[in-house]
C-alpha atoms as a PDB file:
ATOM      1  CA  MET A   1     166.332-101.284 -67.264  1.00  0.00           C
ATOM      2  CA  ASP A   2     164.581-102.300 -64.026  1.00  0.00           C
ATOM      3  CA  ALA A   3     165.074-100.553 -60.690  1.00  0.00           C
ATOM      4  CA  ASP A   4     167.510-103.129 -59.323  1.00  0.00           C
ATOM      5  CA  ALA A   5     169.708-102.955 -62.406  1.00  0.00           C
ATOM      6  CA  GLN A   6     169.652 -99.159 -62.363  1.00  0.00           C
ATOM      7  CA  ALA A   7     170.604 -99.137 -58.683  1.00  0.00           C
ATOM      8  CA  ALA A   8     173.516-101.470 -59.379  1.00  0.00           C
ATOM      9  CA  MET A   9     174.707 -99.284 -62.242  1.00  0.00           C
ATOM     10  CA  ASP A  10     174.445 -96.152 -60.115  1.00  0.00           C
ATOM     11  CA  ALA A  11     176.345 -97.822 -57.289  1.00  0.00           C
ATOM     12  CA  ALA A  12     179.012 -98.993 -59.715  1.00  0.00           C
ATOM     13  CA  GLY A  13     179.414 -95.436 -60.915  1.00  0.00           C
ATOM     14  CA  ARG A  14     179.816 -94.148 -57.367  1.00  0.00           C
ATOM     15  CA  ALA A  15     182.315 -96.898 -56.606  1.00  0.00           C
ATOM     16  CA  THR A  16     184.296 -96.021 -59.705  1.00  0.00           C
ATOM     17  CA  LEU A  17     184.401 -92.376 -58.627  1.00  0.00           C
ATOM     18  CA  ALA A  18     185.575 -93.405 -55.163  1.00  0.00           C
ATOM     19  CA  ASN A  19     188.257 -95.553 -56.761  1.00  0.00           C
ATOM     20  CA  VAL A  20     189.521 -92.659 -58.863  1.00  0.00           C
ATOM     21  CA  GLU A  21     189.557 -90.336 -55.864  1.00  0.00           C
ATOM     22  CA  ALA A  22     191.223 -92.874 -53.564  1.00  0.00           C
ATOM     23  CA  ARG A  23     193.780 -94.212 -56.031  1.00  0.00           C
ATOM     24  CA  PRO A  24     194.817 -91.447 -58.451  1.00  0.00           C
ATOM     25  CA  VAL A  25     196.763 -92.767 -61.422  1.00  0.00           C
ATOM     26  CA  THR A  26     198.732 -90.667 -63.882  1.00  0.00           C
ATOM     27  CA  ILE A  27     200.365 -91.578 -67.183  1.00  0.00           C
ATOM     28  CA  ASP A  28     203.140 -89.333 -68.430  1.00  0.00           C
ATOM     29  CA  ALA A  29     205.737 -90.040 -71.105  1.00  0.00           C
ATOM     30  CA  GLY A  30     204.925 -93.728 -71.028  1.00  0.00           C
ATOM     31  CA  VAL A  31     205.246 -94.022 -67.243  1.00  0.00           C
ATOM     32  CA  VAL A  32     202.346 -94.958 -64.955  1.00  0.00           C
ATOM     33  CA  THR A  33     202.465 -93.488 -61.451  1.00  0.00           C
ATOM     34  CA  ARG A  34     200.020 -94.930 -58.952  1.00  0.00           C
ATOM     35  CA  PRO A  35     199.713 -95.303 -55.172  1.00  0.00           C
ATOM     36  CA  ALA A  36     201.792 -98.127 -53.745  1.00  0.00           C
ATOM     37  CA  SER A  37     200.386-100.749 -51.411  1.00  0.00           C
ATOM     38  CA  ALA A  38     201.979-103.000 -48.830  1.00  0.00           C
ATOM     39  CA  GLY A  39     202.250-105.674 -51.503  1.00  0.00           C
ATOM     40  CA  SER A  40     203.780-103.521 -54.232  1.00  0.00           C
ATOM     41  CA  GLU A  41     207.346-104.649 -53.604  1.00  0.00           C
ATOM     42  CA  THR A  42     206.302-108.297 -53.850  1.00  0.00           C
ATOM     43  CA  ALA A  43     204.316-107.580 -57.028  1.00  0.00           C
ATOM     44  CA  HIS A  44     207.310-105.784 -58.574  1.00  0.00           C
ATOM     45  CA  SER A  45     209.487-108.824 -57.869  1.00  0.00           C
ATOM     46  CA  PHE A  46     206.938-111.048 -59.603  1.00  0.00           C
ATOM     47  CA  LEU A  47     206.608-108.737 -62.604  1.00  0.00           C
ATOM     48  CA  ARG A  48     210.399-108.555 -63.020  1.00  0.00           C
ATOM     49  CA  HIS A  49     210.489-112.363 -62.998  1.00  0.00           C
ATOM     50  CA  LEU A  50     207.777-112.595 -65.656  1.00  0.00           C
ATOM     51  CA  ARG A  51     209.440-110.107 -67.937  1.00  0.00           C
ATOM     52  CA  GLY A  52     212.756-111.885 -67.462  1.00  0.00           C
ATOM     53  CA  LYS A  53     211.092-115.022 -68.825  1.00  0.00           C
ATOM     54  CA  GLY A  54     210.117-113.210 -72.020  1.00  0.00           C
ATOM     55  CA  PRO A  55     206.450-112.170 -71.778  1.00  0.00           C
ATOM     56  CA  GLU A  56     206.009-108.428 -72.230  1.00  0.00           C
ATOM     57  CA  CYS A  57     202.296-108.611 -71.437  1.00  0.00           C
ATOM     58  CA  VAL A  58     202.747-107.323 -67.881  1.00  0.00           C
ATOM     59  CA  PRO A  59     203.999-103.886 -66.842  1.00  0.00           C
ATOM     60  CA  GLU A  60     207.723-103.333 -66.395  1.00  0.00           C
ATOM     61  CA  PRO A  61     208.378-102.071 -62.848  1.00  0.00           C
ATOM     62  CA  ILE A  62     210.417 -98.871 -62.725  1.00  0.00           C
ATOM     63  CA  GLY A  63     210.465 -97.657 -59.152  1.00  0.00           C
ATOM     64  CA  LEU A  64     208.899 -97.714 -55.727  1.00  0.00           C
ATOM     65  CA  GLY A  65     209.061 -95.077 -53.002  1.00  0.00           C
ATOM     66  CA  ASP A  66     207.366 -92.149 -51.275  1.00  0.00           C
ATOM     67  CA  GLY A  67     204.077 -94.036 -51.296  1.00  0.00           C
ATOM     68  CA  VAL A  68     203.894 -94.482 -55.066  1.00  0.00           C
ATOM     69  CA  GLU A  69     204.982 -97.031 -57.618  1.00  0.00           C
ATOM     70  CA  THR A  70     205.988 -96.390 -61.216  1.00  0.00           C
ATOM     71  CA  LEU A  71     205.666 -98.839 -64.079  1.00  0.00           C
ATOM     72  CA  ARG A  72     206.085 -98.748 -67.837  1.00  0.00           C
ATOM     73  CA  HIS A  73     202.760 -98.106 -69.568  1.00  0.00           C
ATOM     74  CA  ILE A  74     201.344-100.775 -71.893  1.00  0.00           C
ATOM     75  CA  ASP A  75     199.645 -98.984 -74.750  1.00  0.00           C
ATOM     76  CA  GLY A  76     196.063 -99.969 -75.503  1.00  0.00           C
ATOM     77  CA  ALA A  77     192.515 -99.851 -74.167  1.00  0.00           C
ATOM     78  CA  SER A  78     191.771-100.859 -70.577  1.00  0.00           C
ATOM     79  CA  GLY A  79     189.322-100.030 -67.818  1.00  0.00           C
ATOM     80  CA  GLY A  80     185.868 -99.236 -69.165  1.00  0.00           C
ATOM     81  CA  GLU A  81     187.229 -99.176 -72.720  1.00  0.00           C
ATOM     82  CA  GLY A  82     188.097-102.855 -72.465  1.00  0.00           C
ATOM     83  CA  TRP A  83     184.569-104.288 -72.400  1.00  0.00           C
ATOM     84  CA  PHE A  84     183.895-104.091 -76.129  1.00  0.00           C
ATOM     85  CA  HIS A  85     187.115-105.815 -77.174  1.00  0.00           C
ATOM     86  CA  GLN A  86     186.098-109.141 -75.626  1.00  0.00           C
ATOM     87  CA  HIS A  87     182.608-109.382 -77.108  1.00  0.00           C
ATOM     88  CA  GLY A  88     183.869-111.525 -79.986  1.00  0.00           C
ATOM     89  CA  GLU A  89     185.586-114.874 -79.714  1.00  0.00           C
ATOM     90  CA  GLN A  90     188.935-113.406 -80.786  1.00  0.00           C
ATOM     91  CA  GLY A  91     189.088-111.186 -77.728  1.00  0.00           C
ATOM     92  CA  LEU A  92     187.686-113.858 -75.435  1.00  0.00           C
ATOM     93  CA  VAL A  93     190.219-116.538 -76.339  1.00  0.00           C
ATOM     94  CA  SER A  94     193.144-114.119 -76.484  1.00  0.00           C
ATOM     95  CA  ALA A  95     192.491-113.174 -72.851  1.00  0.00           C
ATOM     96  CA  ALA A  96     192.402-116.835 -71.828  1.00  0.00           C
ATOM     97  CA  ARG A  97     195.672-117.543 -73.626  1.00  0.00           C
ATOM     98  CA  LEU A  98     197.342-114.517 -72.086  1.00  0.00           C
ATOM     99  CA  LEU A  99     196.212-115.565 -68.609  1.00  0.00           C
ATOM    100  CA  ARG A 100     197.665-119.036 -69.232  1.00  0.00           C
ATOM    101  CA  THR A 101     200.948-117.525 -70.436  1.00  0.00           C
ATOM    102  CA  VAL A 102     201.264-115.455 -67.277  1.00  0.00           C
ATOM    103  CA  HIS A 103     200.385-118.349 -64.991  1.00  0.00           C
ATOM    104  CA  ASP A 104     202.911-120.662 -66.661  1.00  0.00           C
ATOM    105  CA  ALA A 105     205.705-118.079 -66.684  1.00  0.00           C
ATOM    106  CA  GLY A 106     205.268-117.425 -62.976  1.00  0.00           C
ATOM    107  CA  LEU A 107     205.440-121.021 -61.773  1.00  0.00           C
ATOM    108  CA  ASP A 108     209.182-120.994 -61.062  1.00  0.00           C
ATOM    109  CA  TRP A 109     209.241-117.620 -59.300  1.00  0.00           C
ATOM    110  CA  THR A 110     210.627-117.698 -55.771  1.00  0.00           C
ATOM    111  CA  PRO A 111     208.773-115.096 -53.679  1.00  0.00           C
ATOM    112  CA  PRO A 112     210.770-112.902 -51.294  1.00  0.00           C
ATOM    113  CA  ALA A 113     211.034-114.285 -47.774  1.00  0.00           C
ATOM    114  CA  ASP A 114     209.047-111.274 -46.561  1.00  0.00           C
ATOM    115  CA  ALA A 115     206.452-111.392 -49.344  1.00  0.00           C
ATOM    116  CA  VAL A 116     203.273-109.424 -48.717  1.00  0.00           C
ATOM    117  CA  TRP A 117     200.303-110.799 -50.641  1.00  0.00           C
ATOM    118  CA  GLY A 118     197.479-108.678 -51.986  1.00  0.00           C
ATOM    119  CA  ALA A 119     194.950-111.351 -51.010  1.00  0.00           C
ATOM    120  CA  PRO A 120     195.148-114.318 -48.637  1.00  0.00           C
ATOM    121  CA  PRO A 121     196.959-117.382 -50.033  1.00  0.00           C
ATOM    122  CA  VAL A 122     194.643-120.260 -50.918  1.00  0.00           C
ATOM    123  CA  ALA A 123     195.581-123.920 -50.498  1.00  0.00           C
ATOM    124  CA  GLY A 124     194.625-126.534 -53.055  1.00  0.00           C
ATOM    125  CA  ASP A 125     195.777-128.334 -56.185  1.00  0.00           C
ATOM    126  CA  ASP A 126     197.736-126.829 -59.091  1.00  0.00           C
ATOM    127  CA  ILE A 127     198.932-123.832 -57.095  1.00  0.00           C
ATOM    128  CA  GLY A 128     200.317-120.883 -59.015  1.00  0.00           C
ATOM    129  CA  PHE A 129     200.573-117.145 -58.537  1.00  0.00           C
ATOM    130  CA  CYS A 130     197.177-115.640 -59.284  1.00  0.00           C
ATOM    131  CA  HIS A 131     196.344-112.126 -60.418  1.00  0.00           C
ATOM    132  CA  GLY A 132     193.193-112.099 -58.303  1.00  0.00           C
ATOM    133  CA  ASP A 133     191.253-109.612 -60.468  1.00  0.00           C
ATOM    134  CA  PRO A 134     191.465-110.733 -64.125  1.00  0.00           C
ATOM    135  CA  GLY A 135     188.355-109.012 -65.428  1.00  0.00           C
ATOM    136  CA  PRO A 136     188.188-107.369 -68.887  1.00  0.00           C
ATOM    137  CA  TRP A 137     189.024-103.986 -67.328  1.00  0.00           C
ATOM    138  CA  ASN A 138     192.466-105.196 -66.182  1.00  0.00           C
ATOM    139  CA  PHE A 139     193.463-106.536 -69.573  1.00  0.00           C
ATOM    140  CA  VAL A 140     194.981-104.194 -72.133  1.00  0.00           C
ATOM    141  CA  TRP A 141     193.405-104.491 -75.581  1.00  0.00           C
ATOM    142  CA  ARG A 142     194.347-103.649 -79.140  1.00  0.00           C
ATOM    143  CA  ASP A 143     191.905-104.425 -81.943  1.00  0.00           C
ATOM    144  CA  GLN A 144     189.969-107.085 -80.008  1.00  0.00           C
ATOM    145  CA  GLU A 145     193.193-108.755 -78.860  1.00  0.00           C
ATOM    146  CA  ALA A 146     194.354-108.972 -75.232  1.00  0.00           C
ATOM    147  CA  VAL A 147     197.981-107.789 -75.109  1.00  0.00           C
ATOM    148  CA  GLY A 148     198.520-107.064 -71.424  1.00  0.00           C
ATOM    149  CA  LEU A 149     197.383-107.758 -67.860  1.00  0.00           C
ATOM    150  CA  ILE A 150     197.781-104.893 -65.396  1.00  0.00           C
ATOM    151  CA  ASP A 151     196.955-103.912 -61.793  1.00  0.00           C
ATOM    152  CA  TRP A 152     198.534-106.716 -59.794  1.00  0.00           C
ATOM    153  CA  ASP A 153     197.240-105.442 -56.439  1.00  0.00           C
ATOM    154  CA  TYR A 154     195.755-108.847 -55.482  1.00  0.00           C
ATOM    155  CA  LEU A 155     198.690-111.103 -56.365  1.00  0.00           C
ATOM    156  CA  HIS A 156     198.637-114.243 -54.201  1.00  0.00           C
ATOM    157  CA  PRO A 157     199.357-117.985 -54.332  1.00  0.00           C
ATOM    158  CA  ALA A 158     196.243-120.013 -55.163  1.00  0.00           C
ATOM    159  CA  PRO A 159     194.980-122.734 -57.501  1.00  0.00           C
ATOM    160  CA  ARG A 160     195.137-121.284 -60.998  1.00  0.00           C
ATOM    161  CA  VAL A 161     191.505-122.292 -61.536  1.00  0.00           C
ATOM    162  CA  ASN A 162     190.590-119.503 -59.087  1.00  0.00           C
ATOM    163  CA  ASP A 163     191.747-116.887 -61.606  1.00  0.00           C
ATOM    164  CA  VAL A 164     189.968-118.737 -64.402  1.00  0.00           C
ATOM    165  CA  ALA A 165     186.709-118.849 -62.441  1.00  0.00           C
ATOM    166  CA  TYR A 166     186.966-115.152 -61.611  1.00  0.00           C
ATOM    167  CA  ALA A 167     187.495-114.391 -65.291  1.00  0.00           C
ATOM    168  CA  LEU A 168     184.566-116.577 -66.379  1.00  0.00           C
ATOM    169  CA  HIS A 169     182.216-114.594 -64.137  1.00  0.00           C
ATOM    170  CA  TRP A 170     182.983-111.449 -66.115  1.00  0.00           C
ATOM    171  CA  PHE A 171     183.845-112.823 -69.554  1.00  0.00           C
ATOM    172  CA  GLY A 172     180.852-115.207 -69.699  1.00  0.00           C
ATOM    173  CA  PRO A 173     179.350-113.037 -68.478  1.00  0.00           C
ATOM    174  CA  LEU A 174     177.745-115.225 -65.832  1.00  0.00           C
ATOM    175  CA  ARG A 175     175.415-112.472 -64.718  1.00  0.00           C
ATOM    176  CA  ARG A 176     171.815-111.316 -65.146  1.00  0.00           C
ATOM    177  CA  ASP A 177     170.667-110.617 -68.700  1.00  0.00           C
ATOM    178  CA  GLU A 178     170.046-106.974 -67.821  1.00  0.00           C
ATOM    179  CA  PHE A 179     173.654-106.529 -66.743  1.00  0.00           C
ATOM    180  CA  VAL A 180     174.942-108.299 -69.844  1.00  0.00           C
ATOM    181  CA  LEU A 181     173.068-105.830 -72.054  1.00  0.00           C
ATOM    182  CA  ASP A 182     173.293-102.607 -70.056  1.00  0.00           C
ATOM    183  CA  TRP A 183     176.614-102.944 -68.262  1.00  0.00           C
ATOM    184  CA  HIS A 184     178.662-105.222 -70.518  1.00  0.00           C
ATOM    185  CA  HIS A 185     177.130-103.581 -73.618  1.00  0.00           C
ATOM    186  CA  PHE A 186     176.367-106.745 -75.560  1.00  0.00           C
ATOM    187  CA  SER A 187     173.747-106.136 -78.245  1.00  0.00           C
ATOM    188  CA  VAL A 188     172.150-109.498 -77.403  1.00  0.00           C
ATOM    189  CA  VAL A 189     172.731-111.948 -74.555  1.00  0.00           C
ATOM    190  CA  PRO A 190     175.461-114.288 -75.828  1.00  0.00           C
ATOM    191  CA  ASP A 191     175.598-118.053 -75.571  1.00  0.00           C
ATOM    192  CA  ARG A 192     177.207-118.277 -72.148  1.00  0.00           C
ATOM    193  CA  ARG A 193     177.905-121.995 -72.415  1.00  0.00           C
ATOM    194  CA  ARG A 194     179.816-121.488 -75.675  1.00  0.00           C
ATOM    195  CA  ARG A 195     181.824-118.597 -74.251  1.00  0.00           C
ATOM    196  CA  VAL A 196     182.730-120.520 -71.094  1.00  0.00           C
ATOM    197  CA  GLN A 197     183.860-123.488 -73.191  1.00  0.00           C
ATOM    198  CA  ALA A 198     185.844-121.263 -75.580  1.00  0.00           C
ATOM    199  CA  PHE A 199     187.641-119.571 -72.688  1.00  0.00           C
ATOM    200  CA  ALA A 200     188.429-122.869 -70.952  1.00  0.00           C
ATOM    201  CA  ASP A 201     189.609-124.501 -74.192  1.00  0.00           C
ATOM    202  CA  ALA A 202     191.847-121.540 -75.024  1.00  0.00           C
ATOM    203  CA  TYR A 203     193.354-121.585 -71.539  1.00  0.00           C
ATOM    204  CA  GLY A 204     193.951-125.307 -71.944  1.00  0.00           C
ATOM    205  CA  ASN A 205     194.553-128.375 -69.777  1.00  0.00           C
ATOM    206  CA  LEU A 206     192.410-127.327 -66.851  1.00  0.00           C
ATOM    207  CA  ARG A 207     191.580-129.896 -64.224  1.00  0.00           C
ATOM    208  CA  GLN A 208     187.888-130.744 -63.953  1.00  0.00           C
ATOM    209  CA  PHE A 209     185.942-128.303 -61.813  1.00  0.00           C
ATOM    210  CA  ASP A 210     182.338-127.307 -61.215  1.00  0.00           C
ATOM    211  CA  ILE A 211     181.955-123.950 -62.940  1.00  0.00           C
ATOM    212  CA  ALA A 212     179.130-122.586 -60.786  1.00  0.00           C
ATOM    213  CA  ASP A 213     180.822-123.613 -57.546  1.00  0.00           C
ATOM    214  CA  ALA A 214     184.171-122.159 -58.627  1.00  0.00           C
ATOM    215  CA  VAL A 215     182.645-118.883 -59.799  1.00  0.00           C
ATOM    216  CA  THR A 216     180.621-118.409 -56.625  1.00  0.00           C
ATOM    217  CA  ALA A 217     183.689-119.224 -54.524  1.00  0.00           C
ATOM    218  CA  ALA A 218     185.544-116.477 -56.401  1.00  0.00           C
ATOM    219  CA  ILE A 219     182.744-113.998 -55.716  1.00  0.00           C
ATOM    220  CA  ARG A 220     182.741-114.928 -52.013  1.00  0.00           C
ATOM    221  CA  ALA A 221     186.506-114.470 -51.823  1.00  0.00           C
ATOM    222  CA  THR A 222     186.119-111.031 -53.395  1.00  0.00           C
ATOM    223  CA  SER A 223     183.449-110.115 -50.849  1.00  0.00           C
ATOM    224  CA  ASP A 224     185.551-111.358 -47.933  1.00  0.00           C
ATOM    225  CA  ARG A 225     188.578-109.345 -49.038  1.00  0.00           C
ATOM    226  CA  MET A 226     186.436-106.290 -49.725  1.00  0.00           C
ATOM    227  CA  LEU A 227     184.926-106.432 -46.237  1.00  0.00           C
ATOM    228  CA  GLU A 228     188.334-106.925 -44.627  1.00  0.00           C
ATOM    229  CA  LEU A 229     189.761-103.870 -46.373  1.00  0.00           C
ATOM    230  CA  ALA A 230     186.627-101.810 -45.722  1.00  0.00           C
ATOM    231  CA  GLN A 231     186.780-102.578 -42.018  1.00  0.00           C
ATOM    232  CA  ALA A 232     190.388-101.380 -42.074  1.00  0.00           C
ATOM    233  CA  GLY A 233     189.138 -98.069 -43.509  1.00  0.00           C
ATOM    234  CA  GLN A 234     190.652 -98.551 -46.958  1.00  0.00           C
ATOM    235  CA  GLU A 235     189.159 -96.897 -50.024  1.00  0.00           C
ATOM    236  CA  PRO A 236     187.515 -97.608 -52.369  1.00  0.00           C
ATOM    237  CA  GLN A 237     186.420-100.755 -50.516  1.00  0.00           C
ATOM    238  CA  ARG A 238     184.853 -98.801 -47.660  1.00  0.00           C
ATOM    239  CA  SER A 239     182.660 -96.889 -50.115  1.00  0.00           C
ATOM    240  CA  TRP A 240     181.799-100.056 -52.026  1.00  0.00           C
ATOM    241  CA  VAL A 241     180.576-101.770 -48.864  1.00  0.00           C
ATOM    242  CA  ALA A 242     178.636 -98.671 -47.812  1.00  0.00           C
ATOM    243  CA  ASP A 243     176.971 -98.712 -51.254  1.00  0.00           C
ATOM    244  CA  GLY A 244     175.741-102.283 -50.736  1.00  0.00           C
ATOM    245  CA  ALA A 245     178.356-104.206 -52.710  1.00  0.00           C
ATOM    246  CA  LEU A 246     178.177-107.207 -50.391  1.00  0.00           C
ATOM    247  CA  ASN A 247     174.438-107.568 -50.953  1.00  0.00           C
ATOM    248  CA  ARG A 248     174.918-107.250 -54.701  1.00  0.00           C
ATOM    249  CA  ASN A 249     177.587-109.950 -54.627  1.00  0.00           C
ATOM    250  CA  ALA A 250     175.222-112.212 -52.679  1.00  0.00           C
ATOM    251  CA  ALA A 251     172.637-111.668 -55.424  1.00  0.00           C
ATOM    252  CA  GLU A 252     175.265-112.540 -58.066  1.00  0.00           C
ATOM    253  CA  ILE A 253     176.011-115.796 -56.226  1.00  0.00           C
ATOM    254  CA  ALA A 254     172.313-116.662 -56.123  1.00  0.00           C
ATOM    255  CA  TRP A 255     171.971-115.966 -59.865  1.00  0.00           C
ATOM    256  CA  VAL A 256     174.917-118.212 -60.748  1.00  0.00           C
ATOM    257  CA  HIS A 257     173.537-121.102 -58.703  1.00  0.00           C
ATOM    258  CA  THR A 258     170.020-120.694 -60.097  1.00  0.00           C
ATOM    259  CA  HIS A 259     171.182-120.540 -63.725  1.00  0.00           C
ATOM    260  CA  ARG A 260     174.041-123.039 -63.587  1.00  0.00           C
ATOM    261  CA  THR A 261     172.485-125.248 -66.272  1.00  0.00           C
ATOM    262  CA  ALA A 262     172.818-122.365 -68.765  1.00  0.00           C
ATOM    263  CA  PHE A 263     176.595-122.574 -68.847  1.00  0.00           C
ATOM    264  CA  SER A 264     177.771-125.868 -67.338  1.00  0.00           C
END
């Protein structure tokens, strides 16, 4: 691993520690207790709507108060344990199908009049309610199958392709070879073009879009939101920015543009 890759890994580890310290989460008797945010009430309304439509792939809200929210736990692997489950095509396409299911089920939700969004709304075509952070760590996995999508902190209205592009960045993965091997734990660098196509096909009926442009727009949006929260003193974003996350995201954007012919 070269020095830049090692620095990124070390920074990611520090950011993860800051996240754990800033947002303690407990699971007890099948109930997840985690810090609430300003948007938690809106997210709970959305999750209740989804579950009322049938999908059980999102957490069931239980309660909200005293600065915490409680939700029913979805059993399976998530967080760092989720990376390995999406290495094969089964995991990859199951995540795309689950994301499509959630997007479709949420289309007829009417947000509260006083809705508080976890990220700024985005105008455009094919607007839906986006998760905002659909990386492998926020899916719940069982035997290489995506069965849940958790952590709806960044729920916001936006073109559904925004969520797809965000996911492609991490599921491709559309990142440096060193990161693919050392961070994502692939044994060899996969065929990114094939994985992008498999994800898009499994999601289904996407409007035409430029993959590199959409992915880099998603990274920029992440950086903008991170900086906004960091400047407000919120953790873990403040620690991420202090650790150089914005510069690393700029490098990710440059890599995607330089290597766009490898996957589009």
